[in-house]
Amino acid sequence: MGKRVLIVDNSVDLAESLGELIGLDDSLEYVGYVTTGADALEQARRRAADVLVLDLGLSDMSGMEVLAQLQQEALPARVILHTGHASDALAEEANRRGARGYVVKGSDVSVLLAALREA
């Protein structure tokens, strides 16, 4: 059994597609997806996953707010920020807030898988 991965994205189609790809990697275990920051935090508190693939734009809060809350509560889940925003400034901010990686949506899926294995 590999690292347990939870997708946090408001796009169900994207989350399900990523989940299928993650499930093909023997070093990773896809455990599902949630679409809100509140649900992501609840799952992190339950330690349902080792790594969160976290979108910046959620319906109830930003991915940065989720990162801040994870850090404030000292929750052990590692985070790979997965966003459509190719921005060095956002990547640096995510890093300061504890993210283990920053992957731009539309990148080759191998980039995301590598980030998940390293997280």
Protein backbone atom coordinates (compact mmCIF):
# COMPACT_ATOMS: atom_id res chain seq x y z
CA MET A 1 0.00 0.00 0.00
CA GLY A 2 1.39 3.38 -1.00
CA LYS A 3 0.82 6.97 0.05
CA ARG A 4 -2.89 7.68 0.42
CA VAL A 5 -3.93 10.57 -1.85
CA LEU A 6 -7.07 12.72 -1.58
CA ILE A 7 -8.02 15.11 -4.39
CA VAL A 8 -9.50 18.47 -3.29
CA ASP A 9 -10.97 20.18 -6.32
CA ASN A 10 -14.30 21.79 -7.18
CA SER A 11 -14.25 20.04 -10.58
CA VAL A 12 -15.63 16.55 -10.02
CA ASP A 13 -14.66 15.45 -13.54
CA LEU A 14 -11.05 16.49 -13.02
CA ALA A 15 -10.91 14.91 -9.57
CA GLU A 16 -12.25 11.60 -10.85
CA SER A 17 -9.86 11.60 -13.83
CA LEU A 18 -6.86 12.35 -11.64
CA GLY A 19 -8.00 9.68 -9.22
CA GLU A 20 -8.02 7.08 -11.97
CA LEU A 21 -4.48 8.04 -13.02
CA ILE A 22 -3.21 8.05 -9.45
CA GLY A 23 -4.77 4.62 -8.93
CA LEU A 24 -2.55 3.22 -11.70
CA ASP A 25 0.61 4.08 -9.75
CA ASP A 26 1.63 1.27 -7.38
CA SER A 27 3.32 3.69 -4.98
CA LEU A 28 0.10 5.67 -4.49
CA GLU A 29 -3.39 4.84 -3.24
CA TYR A 30 -6.28 7.03 -4.37
CA VAL A 31 -8.74 7.39 -1.47
CA GLY A 32 -11.26 9.73 -3.08
CA TYR A 33 -12.04 13.38 -3.56
CA VAL A 34 -13.80 16.26 -1.87
CA THR A 35 -14.92 19.54 -3.38
CA THR A 36 -14.63 22.01 -0.48
CA GLY A 37 -11.96 23.27 1.84
CA ALA A 38 -14.09 22.39 4.87
CA ASP A 39 -14.29 18.77 3.72
CA ALA A 40 -10.55 18.72 3.03
CA LEU A 41 -9.85 19.90 6.58
CA GLU A 42 -12.26 17.33 8.02
CA GLN A 43 -10.51 14.55 6.10
CA ALA A 44 -7.09 15.85 7.20
CA ARG A 45 -8.24 15.83 10.84
CA ARG A 46 -9.35 12.22 10.41
CA ARG A 47 -5.98 11.45 8.77
CA ALA A 48 -7.83 9.91 5.84
CA ALA A 49 -4.94 10.70 3.47
CA ASP A 50 -1.20 11.25 3.59
CA VAL A 51 -1.20 13.75 0.72
CA LEU A 52 -3.79 16.25 -0.50
CA VAL A 53 -3.84 17.43 -4.11
CA LEU A 54 -5.30 20.85 -3.39
CA ASP A 55 -6.85 23.31 -5.83
CA LEU A 56 -6.50 27.03 -5.14
CA GLY A 57 -10.05 27.93 -6.16
CA LEU A 58 -12.57 26.15 -3.95
CA SER A 59 -16.16 27.25 -3.41
CA ASP A 60 -15.91 27.91 0.33
CA MET A 61 -12.31 29.03 0.85
CA SER A 62 -9.07 29.32 -1.05
CA GLY A 63 -6.46 26.61 -1.13
CA MET A 64 -4.15 29.05 0.66
CA GLU A 65 -6.65 29.28 3.51
CA VAL A 66 -6.75 25.48 3.72
CA LEU A 67 -2.95 25.42 3.85
CA ALA A 68 -2.93 28.02 6.63
CA GLN A 69 -5.48 26.03 8.64
CA LEU A 70 -3.54 22.78 8.20
CA GLN A 71 -0.43 24.53 9.47
CA GLN A 72 -2.27 26.21 12.37
CA GLU A 73 -3.66 22.86 13.52
CA ALA A 74 -0.31 21.12 12.89
CA LEU A 75 -2.04 18.45 10.81
CA PRO A 76 0.38 15.98 9.21
CA ALA A 77 -1.16 15.85 5.72
CA ARG A 78 1.26 16.94 3.04
CA VAL A 79 -0.06 19.16 0.26
CA ILE A 80 0.61 19.44 -3.44
CA LEU A 81 -1.05 22.59 -4.71
CA HIS A 82 -2.66 21.89 -8.11
CA THR A 83 -3.81 25.04 -9.84
CA GLY A 84 -4.39 26.68 -13.17
CA HIS A 85 -2.29 29.67 -12.09
CA ALA A 86 1.32 29.52 -13.28
CA SER A 87 2.76 32.02 -10.83
CA ASP A 88 6.12 32.10 -9.09
CA ALA A 89 4.67 34.37 -6.40
CA LEU A 90 1.84 31.93 -5.64
CA ALA A 91 4.26 29.00 -5.64
CA GLU A 92 6.50 30.82 -3.14
CA GLU A 93 3.52 31.68 -0.93
CA ALA A 94 2.31 28.07 -1.04
CA ASN A 95 5.78 26.92 -0.06
CA ARG A 96 5.86 29.36 2.88
CA ARG A 97 2.49 27.99 4.00
CA GLY A 98 3.77 24.42 3.98
CA ALA A 99 2.96 23.02 0.54
CA ARG A 100 5.33 20.29 -0.63
CA GLY A 101 4.81 21.06 -4.29
CA TYR A 102 3.13 23.34 -6.81
CA VAL A 103 1.87 21.81 -10.05
CA VAL A 104 0.11 23.77 -12.77
CA LYS A 105 -3.02 22.16 -14.21
CA GLY A 106 -2.43 21.17 -17.79
CA SER A 107 1.10 19.99 -17.04
CA ASP A 108 1.92 16.44 -17.99
CA VAL A 109 0.41 14.12 -15.39
CA SER A 110 3.88 12.66 -14.76
CA VAL A 111 4.79 15.97 -13.07
CA LEU A 112 1.93 15.56 -10.58
CA LEU A 113 2.71 11.90 -9.98
CA ALA A 114 6.37 12.69 -9.33
CA ALA A 115 5.38 15.44 -6.87
CA LEU A 116 3.07 13.00 -5.06
CA ARG A 117 5.78 10.35 -4.79
CA GLU A 118 8.21 12.92 -3.36
CA ALA A 119 5.74 14.48 -0.89
